[in-house]
Amino acid sequence: RPAATSVVSDSDKAEAEKAKTLGNAKLTAKEFDAAIGFYSDAIVLDPTNAVYFANRAAAHSQKGNHELAVEDAKSSIAVDPKYAKAYSRLGLALFSLGRYREAIDQGYAKALELEPNNQLTKDA
């Protein structure tokens, strides 16, 4: 994938947002493969947006593809190291793989450090 320093056109950003919105709708409908497809489209259009990788990680987790969720969460973190939700998604994926210490150290603890008042992360 292109480096995060890539220049993304406004039209590609707009199309990527449309794909993300469609992906969110599919995720809500539990149509995980379709959601993953839309998030992948968004990533191709704008690989500089950490949200798209984190959302695809969520879809992979809900589908049970925890290894792929780990990869996407780590990609999201690489794009934006201050995006707390990416660390939460990493924590969930690692936890689901039985990698509990890593889930805490690499995921949940960092998410809480970035967003100490996020109740979802506290509850995890």
Protein backbone atom coordinates (compact mmCIF):
# COMPACT_ATOMS: atom_id res chain seq x y z
CA ARG A 1 0.00 0.00 0.00
CA PRO A 2 1.16 3.57 -0.55
CA ALA A 3 2.94 5.37 2.24
CA ALA A 4 0.89 7.59 4.51
CA THR A 5 2.62 10.56 2.92
CA SER A 6 0.78 9.90 -0.34
CA VAL A 7 -1.25 12.77 -1.68
CA VAL A 8 -4.89 11.77 -1.99
CA SER A 9 -7.18 13.84 -4.19
CA ASP A 10 -10.32 15.40 -2.76
CA SER A 11 -12.43 13.29 -5.11
CA ASP A 12 -10.74 10.09 -3.92
CA LYS A 13 -11.28 11.15 -0.30
CA ALA A 14 -14.95 11.78 -1.02
CA GLU A 15 -15.34 8.40 -2.75
CA ALA A 16 -13.53 6.71 0.12
CA GLU A 17 -15.94 8.28 2.61
CA LYS A 18 -18.88 6.98 0.55
CA ALA A 19 -17.36 3.49 0.60
CA LYS A 20 -16.83 3.74 4.38
CA THR A 21 -20.47 4.77 4.87
CA LEU A 22 -21.62 1.78 2.83
CA GLY A 23 -19.25 -0.44 4.80
CA ASN A 24 -20.68 0.85 8.08
CA ALA A 25 -24.20 0.04 6.90
CA LYS A 26 -23.15 -3.49 5.92
CA LEU A 27 -21.36 -3.97 9.24
CA THR A 28 -24.49 -2.90 11.12
CA ALA A 29 -26.45 -5.40 9.02
CA LYS A 30 -23.87 -8.09 9.92
CA GLU A 31 -22.96 -8.48 6.24
CA PHE A 32 -19.29 -8.80 7.07
CA ASP A 33 -17.89 -9.74 3.66
CA ALA A 34 -19.65 -6.80 2.03
CA ALA A 35 -18.43 -4.47 4.78
CA ILE A 36 -14.86 -5.70 4.35
CA GLY A 37 -15.16 -5.08 0.61
CA PHE A 38 -16.32 -1.50 1.06
CA TYR A 39 -13.63 -0.75 3.64
CA SER A 40 -11.05 -2.25 1.27
CA ASP A 41 -12.34 0.05 -1.48
CA ALA A 42 -11.97 3.01 0.88
CA ILE A 43 -8.39 1.97 1.72
CA VAL A 44 -7.45 1.75 -1.95
CA LEU A 45 -8.86 5.23 -2.53
CA ASP A 46 -7.32 6.77 0.61
CA PRO A 47 -4.69 4.69 2.43
CA THR A 48 -3.90 7.68 4.67
CA ASN A 49 -7.10 7.35 6.72
CA ALA A 50 -6.62 5.15 9.80
CA VAL A 51 -10.39 4.82 10.32
CA TYR A 52 -10.79 2.63 7.24
CA PHE A 53 -8.25 0.09 8.49
CA ALA A 54 -9.77 0.12 11.99
CA ASN A 55 -13.27 -0.37 10.61
CA ARG A 56 -12.10 -3.28 8.47
CA ALA A 57 -10.44 -4.72 11.59
CA ALA A 58 -13.82 -4.55 13.33
CA ALA A 59 -15.48 -6.38 10.46
CA HIS A 60 -12.78 -9.06 10.48
CA SER A 61 -13.18 -9.48 14.25
CA GLN A 62 -16.94 -9.83 14.00
CA LYS A 63 -16.47 -12.43 11.27
CA GLY A 64 -13.99 -14.32 13.44
CA ASN A 65 -10.91 -13.51 11.33
CA HIS A 66 -8.85 -12.31 14.28
CA GLU A 67 -5.44 -12.59 12.60
CA LEU A 68 -6.63 -10.31 9.79
CA ALA A 69 -8.10 -7.97 12.40
CA VAL A 70 -4.68 -7.76 14.08
CA GLU A 71 -3.06 -6.87 10.74
CA ASP A 72 -5.62 -4.15 9.99
CA ALA A 73 -5.45 -2.71 13.51
CA LYS A 74 -1.66 -2.52 13.23
CA SER A 75 -2.00 -0.84 9.81
CA SER A 76 -4.39 1.68 11.33
CA ILE A 77 -1.89 2.40 14.11
CA ALA A 78 0.90 2.81 11.55
CA VAL A 79 -1.17 5.44 9.74
CA ASP A 80 -2.21 7.26 12.93
CA PRO A 81 -0.40 6.26 16.14
CA LYS A 82 -2.77 8.44 18.19
CA TYR A 83 -6.01 6.77 17.01
CA ALA A 84 -7.25 5.12 20.21
CA LYS A 85 -9.92 3.00 18.54
CA ALA A 86 -7.23 1.19 16.53
CA TYR A 87 -5.60 0.08 19.80
CA SER A 88 -8.97 -1.09 21.13
CA ARG A 89 -9.50 -3.13 17.97
CA LEU A 90 -6.00 -4.57 18.31
CA GLY A 91 -6.73 -5.47 21.92
CA LEU A 92 -9.96 -7.23 21.00
CA ALA A 93 -8.35 -9.20 18.18
CA LEU A 94 -5.40 -10.29 20.32
CA PHE A 95 -7.71 -11.17 23.21
CA SER A 96 -9.86 -13.25 20.85
CA LEU A 97 -6.71 -15.14 19.83
CA GLY A 98 -5.95 -15.92 23.48
CA ARG A 99 -2.99 -13.54 23.50
CA TYR A 100 -4.15 -11.83 26.69
CA ARG A 101 -0.94 -10.14 27.81
CA GLU A 102 -0.39 -8.68 24.33
CA ALA A 103 -4.03 -7.57 24.23
CA ILE A 104 -3.49 -5.54 27.37
CA ASP A 105 0.03 -4.28 26.66
CA GLN A 106 -0.30 -3.49 22.93
CA GLY A 107 -3.99 -2.72 22.75
CA TYR A 108 -6.12 -1.79 25.71
CA ALA A 109 -3.46 -0.03 27.82
CA LYS A 110 -2.48 2.23 24.91
CA ALA A 111 -6.14 2.95 24.08
CA LEU A 112 -6.76 3.99 27.68
CA GLU A 113 -3.62 6.11 27.69
CA LEU A 114 -4.90 7.98 24.62
CA GLU A 115 -8.55 8.16 25.74
CA PRO A 116 -8.70 7.65 29.52
CA ASN A 117 -12.42 8.47 29.68
CA ASN A 118 -13.53 6.01 27.00
CA GLN A 119 -15.94 3.67 28.83
CA LEU A 120 -15.86 0.98 26.14
CA THR A 121 -12.10 0.64 26.54
CA LYS A 122 -12.37 0.67 30.34
CA ASP A 123 -14.97 -2.09 30.19
CA ALA A 124 -12.78 -4.27 27.94
